[in-house]
Amino acid sequence: MKIAISSPGPDINAPLDPRFGRASGFLLVDEDSGSVEYVNNEQNLNLAQGAGIQSAMNVAKTGATAVITGHVGPKAYAALNKGNIAVYLREGGSAAQALEAFKRGELAKAHGPDKQGHW
C-alpha cells in the first residue's frame, strides 16, 4: 500500500501540511518496502482554480491508495474518491506522527470534504 502525506518538504519529520490541493508536495510512503519519496506539487500552489483536482491527479499517478492531510475541499475529495483513494484527516503534528497514527488505526476515513473550496 502506498500512502501520500501532504508535506511542505521531503523530510518525514516535517509538519503535516494542512492543505491538500495547495500542499507543496506529498511524501509517498510505500508500506511494503518502507521507502519514502517526495513528490513535488508546487505547480498547483498558485492556480486560480482546480488545485485540488490537479493535486488528486498527481497523487493518483503515484499509485497511492490513501492520502493523509489536514483538510480537503469538495472537488479534491470527489477526484480522490473517483480514483479510489481513501482520505484520512489529521490536525497538526509531523508527517511521521500522522503515518504512525494511521498505522495504529487512529485515523478515521473521511466520508466527505471538511472545507469549502478556495480556503
Protein backbone atom coordinates (compact mmCIF):
# COMPACT_ATOMS: atom_id res chain seq x y z
CA MET A 1 0.00 0.00 0.00
CA LYS A 2 1.22 3.48 -0.87
CA ILE A 3 0.21 6.44 1.26
CA ALA A 4 0.56 10.10 0.21
CA ILE A 5 1.04 12.56 3.08
CA SER A 6 0.76 16.31 2.44
CA SER A 7 4.07 17.91 3.41
CA PRO A 8 5.98 21.14 2.85
CA GLY A 9 9.18 19.24 2.10
CA PRO A 10 10.95 15.90 1.74
CA ASP A 11 11.64 15.31 5.46
CA ILE A 12 9.32 12.75 7.10
CA ASN A 13 9.65 14.78 10.32
CA ALA A 14 8.35 17.94 8.60
CA PRO A 15 4.96 19.24 9.76
CA LEU A 16 1.88 17.79 8.11
CA ASP A 17 0.68 20.34 5.56
CA PRO A 18 -2.92 21.23 6.47
CA ARG A 19 -3.77 21.82 2.80
CA PHE A 20 -4.28 19.13 0.21
CA GLY A 21 -4.72 20.93 -3.10
CA ARG A 22 -2.16 23.61 -2.37
CA ALA A 23 0.33 21.45 -0.49
CA SER A 24 3.92 21.97 -1.62
CA GLY A 25 4.21 18.25 -2.11
CA PHE A 26 3.49 14.78 -0.83
CA LEU A 27 5.60 12.23 0.95
CA LEU A 28 4.88 8.92 -0.75
CA VAL A 29 5.31 6.09 1.73
CA ASP A 30 5.42 2.51 0.46
CA GLU A 31 4.33 0.35 3.40
CA ASP A 32 5.66 -2.82 1.79
CA SER A 33 9.22 -1.63 1.21
CA GLY A 34 9.34 1.16 3.80
CA SER A 35 10.62 3.59 1.17
CA VAL A 36 9.74 7.28 1.31
CA GLU A 37 9.97 9.63 -1.66
CA TYR A 38 8.87 13.23 -2.13
CA VAL A 39 6.52 14.17 -4.95
CA ASN A 40 6.58 17.88 -5.74
CA ASN A 41 3.21 19.63 -6.09
CA GLU A 42 4.42 23.25 -6.42
CA GLN A 43 2.91 23.62 -9.89
CA ASN A 44 -0.51 23.75 -8.21
CA LEU A 45 0.25 26.28 -5.46
CA ASN A 46 -0.87 29.35 -7.39
CA LEU A 47 -3.60 28.00 -9.64
CA ALA A 48 -6.69 30.21 -9.64
CA GLN A 49 -8.92 27.13 -9.78
CA GLY A 50 -8.55 23.37 -9.90
CA ALA A 51 -5.62 22.94 -7.50
CA GLY A 52 -7.40 20.15 -5.61
CA ILE A 53 -8.29 18.26 -8.76
CA GLN A 54 -4.76 18.60 -10.17
CA SER A 55 -3.24 17.52 -6.86
CA ALA A 56 -5.56 14.50 -6.79
CA MET A 57 -4.36 13.60 -10.28
CA ASN A 58 -0.73 13.90 -9.14
CA VAL A 59 -1.41 11.59 -6.21
CA ALA A 60 -3.25 9.10 -8.42
CA LYS A 61 -0.23 8.92 -10.76
CA THR A 62 1.92 7.73 -7.85
CA GLY A 63 -0.25 4.68 -7.24
CA ALA A 64 -1.21 5.81 -3.74
CA THR A 65 -4.38 4.30 -2.34
CA ALA A 66 -4.63 6.62 0.68
CA VAL A 67 -3.98 10.28 1.49
CA ILE A 68 -3.29 11.81 4.89
CA THR A 69 -3.76 15.56 5.03
CA GLY A 70 -5.15 18.31 7.24
CA HIS A 71 -8.15 19.34 5.14
CA VAL A 72 -9.70 18.53 1.79
CA GLY A 73 -12.19 20.50 -0.30
CA PRO A 74 -15.15 19.17 -2.27
CA LYS A 75 -13.55 18.97 -5.71
CA ALA A 76 -10.38 17.33 -4.40
CA TYR A 77 -12.41 14.87 -2.34
CA ALA A 78 -14.55 13.96 -5.35
CA ALA A 79 -11.47 13.44 -7.54
CA LEU A 80 -9.74 11.29 -4.91
CA ASN A 81 -12.92 9.30 -4.32
CA LYS A 82 -13.32 8.70 -8.06
CA GLY A 83 -9.74 7.40 -8.12
CA ASN A 84 -10.47 5.02 -5.21
CA ILE A 85 -8.05 6.89 -2.97
CA ALA A 86 -9.12 6.97 0.68
CA VAL A 87 -8.78 10.26 2.56
CA TYR A 88 -7.69 10.48 6.20
CA LEU A 89 -7.67 13.83 8.00
CA ARG A 90 -5.41 14.84 10.87
CA GLU A 91 -4.75 18.16 12.57
CA GLY A 92 -1.16 19.13 13.37
CA GLY A 93 1.93 17.13 14.14
CA SER A 94 4.55 15.85 11.75
CA ALA A 95 4.13 13.65 8.71
CA ALA A 96 5.84 10.85 10.68
CA GLN A 97 3.34 11.22 13.53
CA ALA A 98 0.44 11.16 11.06
CA LEU A 99 1.82 7.99 9.48
CA GLU A 100 2.18 6.29 12.87
CA ALA A 101 -1.38 7.29 13.85
CA PHE A 102 -2.59 5.81 10.54
CA LYS A 103 -0.72 2.55 11.16
CA ARG A 104 -2.22 2.30 14.66
CA GLY A 105 -5.71 2.74 13.19
CA GLU A 106 -6.27 6.07 14.94
CA LEU A 107 -7.30 8.00 11.82
CA ALA A 108 -10.85 7.65 10.59
CA LYS A 109 -11.56 7.56 6.88
CA ALA A 110 -13.20 10.81 5.71
CA HIS A 111 -16.64 10.41 4.15
CA GLY A 112 -16.68 13.82 2.51
CA PRO A 113 -14.84 17.15 2.32
CA ASP A 114 -14.29 19.12 5.51
CA LYS A 115 -13.71 22.51 3.86
CA GLN A 116 -15.30 24.53 1.11
CA GLY A 117 -13.17 25.27 -1.94
CA HIS A 118 -10.56 28.05 -2.10
CA TRP A 119 -9.73 28.26 1.59
